[in-house]
C-alpha atoms as a PDB file:
ATOM      1  CA  UNK A   1      -0.060  -0.110   0.008  1.00  0.00           C
ATOM      2  CA  UNK A   2       2.814   2.458   0.798  1.00  0.00           C
ATOM      3  CA  UNK A   3       4.106   2.464  -2.668  1.00  0.00           C
ATOM      4  CA  UNK A   4       0.588   2.974  -4.225  1.00  0.00           C
ATOM      5  CA  UNK A   5      -0.093   6.480  -5.382  1.00  0.00           C
ATOM      6  CA  UNK A   6      -2.550   6.602  -8.266  1.00  0.00           C
ATOM      7  CA  UNK A   7      -5.799   4.740  -7.985  1.00  0.00           C
ATOM      8  CA  UNK A   8      -8.700   4.394 -10.738  1.00  0.00           C
ATOM      9  CA  UNK A   9     -12.063   3.153  -9.352  1.00  0.00           C
ATOM     10  CA  UNK A  10     -14.810   1.769 -11.436  1.00  0.00           C
ATOM     11  CA  UNK A  11     -18.327   1.712  -9.991  1.00  0.00           C
ATOM     12  CA  UNK A  12     -21.439   0.198 -11.299  1.00  0.00           C
ATOM     13  CA  UNK A  13     -24.943  -0.636 -10.270  1.00  0.00           C
ATOM     14  CA  UNK A  14     -24.029  -2.755  -7.403  1.00  0.00           C
ATOM     15  CA  UNK A  15     -22.701   0.103  -5.285  1.00  0.00           C
ATOM     16  CA  UNK A  16     -26.083   1.825  -5.570  1.00  0.00           C
ATOM     17  CA  UNK A  17     -28.212  -1.100  -5.025  1.00  0.00           C
ATOM     18  CA  UNK A  18     -28.204  -1.002  -1.439  1.00  0.00           C
ATOM     19  CA  UNK A  19     -29.678   2.526  -1.580  1.00  0.00           C
ATOM     20  CA  UNK A  20     -32.583   1.218  -3.293  1.00  0.00           C
ATOM     21  CA  UNK A  21     -31.706   2.009  -7.037  1.00  0.00           C
ATOM     22  CA  UNK A  22     -32.680  -0.801  -9.316  1.00  0.00           C
ATOM     23  CA  UNK A  23     -29.981  -2.692 -11.161  1.00  0.00           C
ATOM     24  CA  UNK A  24     -30.606  -3.330 -14.772  1.00  0.00           C
ATOM     25  CA  UNK A  25     -29.566  -6.856 -15.286  1.00  0.00           C
ATOM     26  CA  UNK A  26     -30.382  -8.762 -12.189  1.00  0.00           C
ATOM     27  CA  UNK A  27     -33.525 -10.724 -11.562  1.00  0.00           C
ATOM     28  CA  UNK A  28     -36.351  -8.049 -10.996  1.00  0.00           C
ATOM     29  CA  UNK A  29     -34.287  -5.169 -12.584  1.00  0.00           C
ATOM     30  CA  UNK A  30     -35.148  -2.636 -15.106  1.00  0.00           C
ATOM     31  CA  UNK A  31     -34.603  -4.787 -18.153  1.00  0.00           C
ATOM     32  CA  UNK A  32     -37.094  -7.347 -17.174  1.00  0.00           C
ATOM     33  CA  UNK A  33     -39.815  -4.541 -17.139  1.00  0.00           C
ATOM     34  CA  UNK A  34     -38.641  -2.682 -20.534  1.00  0.00           C
ATOM     35  CA  UNK A  35     -36.690  -4.077 -23.240  1.00  0.00           C
ATOM     36  CA  UNK A  36     -33.455  -2.060 -23.842  1.00  0.00           C
ATOM     37  CA  UNK A  37     -34.699  -1.635 -27.749  1.00  0.00           C
ATOM     38  CA  UNK A  38     -37.733   0.414 -26.101  1.00  0.00           C
ATOM     39  CA  UNK A  39     -36.159   2.930 -23.784  1.00  0.00           C
ATOM     40  CA  UNK A  40     -32.376   3.042 -24.151  1.00  0.00           C
ATOM     41  CA  UNK A  41     -31.246   3.486 -27.784  1.00  0.00           C
ATOM     42  CA  UNK A  42     -31.333   6.570 -30.068  1.00  0.00           C
ATOM     43  CA  UNK A  43     -33.637   4.372 -32.374  1.00  0.00           C
ATOM     44  CA  UNK A  44     -36.111   4.116 -29.555  1.00  0.00           C
ATOM     45  CA  UNK A  45     -36.146   7.816 -28.911  1.00  0.00           C
ATOM     46  CA  UNK A  46     -36.764   8.557 -32.430  1.00  0.00           C
ATOM     47  CA  UNK A  47     -39.589   6.141 -32.484  1.00  0.00           C
ATOM     48  CA  UNK A  48     -41.394   6.792 -29.454  1.00  0.00           C
ATOM     49  CA  UNK A  49     -39.990   9.654 -27.502  1.00  0.00           C
ATOM     50  CA  UNK A  50     -42.975   9.882 -25.048  1.00  0.00           C
ATOM     51  CA  UNK A  51     -42.108   6.496 -23.768  1.00  0.00           C
ATOM     52  CA  UNK A  52     -38.362   7.110 -23.403  1.00  0.00           C
ATOM     53  CA  UNK A  53     -38.879  10.479 -21.794  1.00  0.00           C
ATOM     54  CA  UNK A  54     -41.523   9.093 -19.145  1.00  0.00           C
ATOM     55  CA  UNK A  55     -39.159   6.288 -18.408  1.00  0.00           C
ATOM     56  CA  UNK A  56     -36.214   8.676 -17.713  1.00  0.00           C
ATOM     57  CA  UNK A  57     -38.602  11.153 -15.880  1.00  0.00           C
ATOM     58  CA  UNK A  58     -39.522   8.400 -13.398  1.00  0.00           C
ATOM     59  CA  UNK A  59     -35.965   7.341 -12.876  1.00  0.00           C
ATOM     60  CA  UNK A  60     -34.831  10.991 -12.508  1.00  0.00           C
ATOM     61  CA  UNK A  61     -37.674  11.420  -9.797  1.00  0.00           C
ATOM     62  CA  UNK A  62     -36.789   8.136  -7.833  1.00  0.00           C
ATOM     63  CA  UNK A  63     -33.108   8.846  -7.747  1.00  0.00           C
ATOM     64  CA  UNK A  64     -33.676  12.033  -5.956  1.00  0.00           C
ATOM     65  CA  UNK A  65     -35.382  10.212  -3.169  1.00  0.00           C
ATOM     66  CA  UNK A  66     -32.399   7.869  -2.555  1.00  0.00           C
ATOM     67  CA  UNK A  67     -29.445   8.449  -0.115  1.00  0.00           C
ATOM     68  CA  UNK A  68     -25.914   7.495  -0.440  1.00  0.00           C
ATOM     69  CA  UNK A  69     -24.934   4.362   1.422  1.00  0.00           C
ATOM     70  CA  UNK A  70     -21.763   3.306   3.349  1.00  0.00           C
ATOM     71  CA  UNK A  71     -19.881   2.409   0.190  1.00  0.00           C
ATOM     72  CA  UNK A  72     -20.392   5.928  -1.440  1.00  0.00           C
ATOM     73  CA  UNK A  73     -19.442   7.426   1.807  1.00  0.00           C
ATOM     74  CA  UNK A  74     -16.353   5.295   2.194  1.00  0.00           C
ATOM     75  CA  UNK A  75     -14.932   6.177  -1.332  1.00  0.00           C
ATOM     76  CA  UNK A  76     -15.809   9.895  -0.594  1.00  0.00           C
ATOM     77  CA  UNK A  77     -13.636   9.458   2.589  1.00  0.00           C
ATOM     78  CA  UNK A  78     -11.045   7.966   0.575  1.00  0.00           C
ATOM     79  CA  UNK A  79     -11.209  10.864  -1.931  1.00  0.00           C
ATOM     80  CA  UNK A  80     -10.931  13.293   0.449  1.00  0.00           C
ATOM     81  CA  UNK A  81      -7.776  11.866   2.350  1.00  0.00           C
ATOM     82  CA  UNK A  82      -5.833  10.450  -0.694  1.00  0.00           C
ATOM     83  CA  UNK A  83      -2.889  12.712  -1.763  1.00  0.00           C
ATOM     84  CA  UNK A  84      -2.189  10.818  -4.889  1.00  0.00           C
ATOM     85  CA  UNK A  85      -4.215  10.688  -8.037  1.00  0.00           C
ATOM     86  CA  UNK A  86      -7.567   9.175  -7.890  1.00  0.00           C
ATOM     87  CA  UNK A  87     -10.367   8.972 -10.169  1.00  0.00           C
ATOM     88  CA  UNK A  88     -13.922   7.435  -9.480  1.00  0.00           C
ATOM     89  CA  UNK A  89     -15.403   6.322 -12.949  1.00  0.00           C
ATOM     90  CA  UNK A  90     -18.867   5.450 -12.350  1.00  0.00           C
ATOM     91  CA  UNK A  91     -21.301   3.741 -15.002  1.00  0.00           C
ATOM     92  CA  UNK A  92     -24.126   5.087 -12.702  1.00  0.00           C
ATOM     93  CA  UNK A  93     -26.353   7.877 -13.697  1.00  0.00           C
ATOM     94  CA  UNK A  94     -27.368   8.660 -10.029  1.00  0.00           C
ATOM     95  CA  UNK A  95     -25.438  11.374  -8.250  1.00  0.00           C
ATOM     96  CA  UNK A  96     -24.791   9.252  -4.927  1.00  0.00           C
ATOM     97  CA  UNK A  97     -21.123   9.705  -5.192  1.00  0.00           C
ATOM     98  CA  UNK A  98     -21.187  13.391  -5.264  1.00  0.00           C
ATOM     99  CA  UNK A  99     -23.856  13.622  -2.573  1.00  0.00           C
ATOM    100  CA  UNK A 100     -21.708  11.413  -0.337  1.00  0.00           C
ATOM    101  CA  UNK A 101     -18.975  13.999  -0.823  1.00  0.00           C
ATOM    102  CA  UNK A 102     -16.707  12.667  -3.453  1.00  0.00           C
ATOM    103  CA  UNK A 103     -15.462  15.245  -5.947  1.00  0.00           C
ATOM    104  CA  UNK A 104     -13.067  13.297  -8.346  1.00  0.00           C
ATOM    105  CA  UNK A 105     -15.916  11.344 -10.155  1.00  0.00           C
ATOM    106  CA  UNK A 106     -16.248  11.062 -13.833  1.00  0.00           C
ATOM    107  CA  UNK A 107     -19.812   9.831 -15.219  1.00  0.00           C
ATOM    108  CA  UNK A 108     -18.827   7.712 -18.283  1.00  0.00           C
ATOM    109  CA  UNK A 109     -22.678   7.031 -18.913  1.00  0.00           C
ATOM    110  CA  UNK A 110     -23.903  10.627 -18.126  1.00  0.00           C
ATOM    111  CA  UNK A 111     -26.292  11.552 -15.355  1.00  0.00           C
ATOM    112  CA  UNK A 112     -29.946  11.587 -14.921  1.00  0.00           C
ATOM    113  CA  UNK A 113     -29.686  15.031 -13.245  1.00  0.00           C
ATOM    114  CA  UNK A 114     -28.458  16.573 -16.444  1.00  0.00           C
ATOM    115  CA  UNK A 115     -30.473  17.437 -19.864  1.00  0.00           C
ATOM    116  CA  UNK A 116     -28.613  17.665 -23.041  1.00  0.00           C
ATOM    117  CA  UNK A 117     -29.939  20.008 -25.774  1.00  0.00           C
ATOM    118  CA  UNK A 118     -29.360  18.567 -28.970  1.00  0.00           C
ATOM    119  CA  UNK A 119     -29.824  21.963 -30.777  1.00  0.00           C
ATOM    120  CA  UNK A 120     -27.028  24.014 -29.099  1.00  0.00           C
ATOM    121  CA  UNK A 121     -25.103  21.071 -27.537  1.00  0.00           C
ATOM    122  CA  UNK A 122     -25.190  22.128 -23.982  1.00  0.00           C
ATOM    123  CA  UNK A 123     -25.806  20.295 -20.852  1.00  0.00           C
ATOM    124  CA  UNK A 124     -27.683  21.835 -18.091  1.00  0.00           C
ATOM    125  CA  UNK A 125     -28.565  20.743 -14.475  1.00  0.00           C
ATOM    126  CA  UNK A 126     -32.143  19.263 -14.644  1.00  0.00           C
ATOM    127  CA  UNK A 127     -34.295  17.712 -11.661  1.00  0.00           C
ATOM    128  CA  UNK A 128     -37.708  18.127 -13.306  1.00  0.00           C
ATOM    129  CA  UNK A 129     -39.584  16.318 -16.046  1.00  0.00           C
ATOM    130  CA  UNK A 130     -38.779  16.392 -19.836  1.00  0.00           C
ATOM    131  CA  UNK A 131     -42.188  14.949 -21.146  1.00  0.00           C
ATOM    132  CA  UNK A 132     -43.879  18.319 -21.624  1.00  0.00           C
ATOM    133  CA  UNK A 133     -40.749  19.376 -24.066  1.00  0.00           C
ATOM    134  CA  UNK A 134     -39.396  22.331 -21.935  1.00  0.00           C
ATOM    135  CA  UNK A 135     -37.118  24.844 -23.687  1.00  0.00           C
ATOM    136  CA  UNK A 136     -33.407  24.416 -23.243  1.00  0.00           C
ATOM    137  CA  UNK A 137     -32.231  26.913 -20.481  1.00  0.00           C
ATOM    138  CA  UNK A 138     -29.477  28.240 -22.797  1.00  0.00           C
ATOM    139  CA  UNK A 139     -30.953  28.768 -26.228  1.00  0.00           C
ATOM    140  CA  UNK A 140     -34.794  28.172 -25.613  1.00  0.00           C
ATOM    141  CA  UNK A 141     -35.251  25.311 -28.095  1.00  0.00           C
ATOM    142  CA  UNK A 142     -37.507  22.454 -26.905  1.00  0.00           C
ATOM    143  CA  UNK A 143     -34.773  19.978 -28.042  1.00  0.00           C
ATOM    144  CA  UNK A 144     -33.894  18.479 -24.505  1.00  0.00           C
ATOM    145  CA  UNK A 145     -33.077  14.684 -24.036  1.00  0.00           C
ATOM    146  CA  UNK A 146     -31.670  12.786 -21.109  1.00  0.00           C
ATOM    147  CA  UNK A 147     -27.976  13.274 -20.767  1.00  0.00           C
ATOM    148  CA  UNK A 148     -27.674   9.476 -20.609  1.00  0.00           C
ATOM    149  CA  UNK A 149     -25.464   7.471 -22.776  1.00  0.00           C
ATOM    150  CA  UNK A 150     -27.666   4.983 -24.598  1.00  0.00           C
ATOM    151  CA  UNK A 151     -26.786   1.537 -26.112  1.00  0.00           C
ATOM    152  CA  UNK A 152     -24.983   2.365 -29.394  1.00  0.00           C
ATOM    153  CA  UNK A 153     -23.639   5.636 -28.138  1.00  0.00           C
ATOM    154  CA  UNK A 154     -19.989   6.498 -27.130  1.00  0.00           C
ATOM    155  CA  UNK A 155     -19.473   6.919 -23.355  1.00  0.00           C
ATOM    156  CA  UNK A 156     -18.000  10.157 -22.146  1.00  0.00           C
ATOM    157  CA  UNK A 157     -14.390  11.140 -21.723  1.00  0.00           C
ATOM    158  CA  UNK A 158     -12.697   7.759 -22.738  1.00  0.00           C
ATOM    159  CA  UNK A 159      -9.620   9.521 -23.346  1.00  0.00           C
ATOM    160  CA  UNK A 160      -9.322  10.925 -19.772  1.00  0.00           C
ATOM    161  CA  UNK A 161     -10.218   7.403 -18.330  1.00  0.00           C
ATOM    162  CA  UNK A 162      -7.544   5.521 -20.507  1.00  0.00           C
ATOM    163  CA  UNK A 163      -4.923   8.169 -19.501  1.00  0.00           C
ATOM    164  CA  UNK A 164      -5.768   7.769 -15.764  1.00  0.00           C
ATOM    165  CA  UNK A 165      -5.466   3.901 -16.270  1.00  0.00           C
ATOM    166  CA  UNK A 166      -1.887   4.414 -18.018  1.00  0.00           C
ATOM    167  CA  UNK A 167      -0.774   6.157 -14.821  1.00  0.00           C
ATOM    168  CA  UNK A 168      -2.467   4.061 -12.174  1.00  0.00           C
ATOM    169  CA  UNK A 169      -1.093   1.759  -9.532  1.00  0.00           C
ATOM    170  CA  UNK A 170      -4.194   0.234  -8.725  1.00  0.00           C
ATOM    171  CA  UNK A 171      -7.647  -0.458 -10.586  1.00  0.00           C
ATOM    172  CA  UNK A 172     -10.491  -1.380  -8.318  1.00  0.00           C
ATOM    173  CA  UNK A 173     -13.840  -2.437  -9.924  1.00  0.00           C
ATOM    174  CA  UNK A 174     -16.872  -2.208  -7.486  1.00  0.00           C
ATOM    175  CA  UNK A 175     -20.502  -3.506  -8.099  1.00  0.00           C
ATOM    176  CA  UNK A 176     -20.073  -4.401 -11.773  1.00  0.00           C
ATOM    177  CA  UNK A 177     -21.430  -7.176 -13.764  1.00  0.00           C
ATOM    178  CA  UNK A 178     -18.609  -7.361 -16.185  1.00  0.00           C
ATOM    179  CA  UNK A 179     -20.746  -7.415 -19.099  1.00  0.00           C
ATOM    180  CA  UNK A 180     -21.172  -3.914 -20.428  1.00  0.00           C
ATOM    181  CA  UNK A 181     -18.229  -2.628 -22.762  1.00  0.00           C
ATOM    182  CA  UNK A 182     -16.075  -0.754 -22.911  1.00  0.00           C
ATOM    183  CA  UNK A 183     -16.084  -0.522 -19.066  1.00  0.00           C
ATOM    184  CA  UNK A 184     -16.013  -4.425 -18.777  1.00  0.00           C
ATOM    185  CA  UNK A 185     -12.578  -4.306 -20.652  1.00  0.00           C
ATOM    186  CA  UNK A 186     -10.872  -1.793 -18.236  1.00  0.00           C
ATOM    187  CA  UNK A 187      -9.678  -4.562 -16.229  1.00  0.00           C
ATOM    188  CA  UNK A 188      -7.930  -6.249 -19.206  1.00  0.00           C
ATOM    189  CA  UNK A 189      -6.566  -2.811 -20.175  1.00  0.00           C
ATOM    190  CA  UNK A 190      -5.077  -2.418 -16.601  1.00  0.00           C
ATOM    191  CA  UNK A 191      -3.559  -5.987 -16.697  1.00  0.00           C
ATOM    192  CA  UNK A 192      -1.827  -5.039 -19.878  1.00  0.00           C
ATOM    193  CA  UNK A 193      -0.257  -1.960 -18.445  1.00  0.00           C
ATOM    194  CA  UNK A 194       0.910  -4.066 -15.474  1.00  0.00           C
ATOM    195  CA  UNK A 195      -1.582  -2.429 -13.107  1.00  0.00           C
ATOM    196  CA  UNK A 196      -2.623  -4.234  -9.906  1.00  0.00           C
ATOM    197  CA  UNK A 197      -6.373  -5.143 -10.117  1.00  0.00           C
ATOM    198  CA  UNK A 198      -8.962  -5.675  -7.527  1.00  0.00           C
ATOM    199  CA  UNK A 199     -12.670  -6.625  -7.679  1.00  0.00           C
ATOM    200  CA  UNK A 200     -15.119  -5.644  -5.088  1.00  0.00           C
ATOM    201  CA  UNK A 201     -18.316  -7.355  -5.791  1.00  0.00           C
ATOM    202  CA  UNK A 202     -21.410  -9.056  -4.287  1.00  0.00           C
ATOM    203  CA  UNK A 203     -20.371 -12.175  -6.307  1.00  0.00           C
ATOM    204  CA  UNK A 204     -18.079 -13.238  -8.917  1.00  0.00           C
ATOM    205  CA  UNK A 205     -18.649 -11.069 -12.113  1.00  0.00           C
ATOM    206  CA  UNK A 206     -18.457 -12.052 -15.719  1.00  0.00           C
ATOM    207  CA  UNK A 207     -14.646 -10.633 -15.642  1.00  0.00           C
ATOM    208  CA  UNK A 208     -13.622 -12.050 -12.344  1.00  0.00           C
ATOM    209  CA  UNK A 209     -10.916 -14.232 -13.836  1.00  0.00           C
ATOM    210  CA  UNK A 210      -8.937 -11.095 -15.051  1.00  0.00           C
ATOM    211  CA  UNK A 211      -8.445  -9.656 -11.461  1.00  0.00           C
ATOM    212  CA  UNK A 212      -5.296 -10.336  -9.305  1.00  0.00           C
ATOM    213  CA  UNK A 213      -7.781 -10.209  -6.339  1.00  0.00           C
ATOM    214  CA  UNK A 214     -11.436 -10.578  -5.571  1.00  0.00           C
ATOM    215  CA  UNK A 215     -13.399  -9.937  -2.497  1.00  0.00           C
ATOM    216  CA  UNK A 216     -17.126 -10.917  -2.449  1.00  0.00           C
ATOM    217  CA  UNK A 217     -20.039  -9.390  -0.276  1.00  0.00           C
ATOM    218  CA  UNK A 218     -22.183  -6.436   0.220  1.00  0.00           C
ATOM    219  CA  UNK A 219     -20.742  -3.182  -1.065  1.00  0.00           C
ATOM    220  CA  UNK A 220     -21.804  -1.457   2.346  1.00  0.00           C
ATOM    221  CA  UNK A 221     -19.432  -3.914   3.943  1.00  0.00           C
ATOM    222  CA  UNK A 222     -16.416  -4.787   1.771  1.00  0.00           C
ATOM    223  CA  UNK A 223     -15.856  -1.128   0.318  1.00  0.00           C
ATOM    224  CA  UNK A 224     -15.503   0.472   3.905  1.00  0.00           C
ATOM    225  CA  UNK A 225     -13.284  -2.355   4.911  1.00  0.00           C
ATOM    226  CA  UNK A 226     -11.077  -1.929   1.991  1.00  0.00           C
ATOM    227  CA  UNK A 227     -10.868   1.810   2.356  1.00  0.00           C
ATOM    228  CA  UNK A 228     -10.022   1.458   6.060  1.00  0.00           C
ATOM    229  CA  UNK A 229      -7.073  -0.839   4.993  1.00  0.00           C
ATOM    230  CA  UNK A 230      -5.773   1.648   2.181  1.00  0.00           C
ATOM    231  CA  UNK A 231      -5.872   4.601   4.411  1.00  0.00           C
ATOM    232  CA  UNK A 232      -4.038   2.654   7.278  1.00  0.00           C
ATOM    233  CA  UNK A 233      -1.268   2.174   4.815  1.00  0.00           C
END
């Protein structure tokens, strides 16, 4: 631990599940109630924008009622105390990392609490609904969509993520299924760069074999334990 300076942490749905935010792929998750093709692709938005906007309006409203859990709070504590480079790359579109106090956070799949204007290409903080086609706060055009990366679209800030991986001493994956690329490939990228890799997950993910070490259990237990170990040196 004493020689470790730069850390990249990837978080997925599993870290927010204990805050009551549904995962997408588990039994009972969102994709059992909605097909990906109907609510999470550019084609779906073009075909039935009302269905897509209602789905994301419901998700945006629900997320604002949830609270960060002990895993979010532990990573925020690490963020505040760590004097090396640290980047929390999250696949989640909630804001629980930030509400827990973390500041070094990159939302590679966007965030529910932003709206993207496809007319002027600006992103604005957004906590209300989009179904009534409100105007963009910047240009006034009613061309807002959820600022969420849909299937078939490129995740945000990939160059920054890969640059952080190249400088990392440790890559940690927390609460991910190992099924969604390109994030699922980060562990292989890290291994090719001779970066140490650690998985913290409820159970073995699809990519578990690529990690040097794995710890399994609820995120609210194993993430604070790991953070305590890191900060203890």
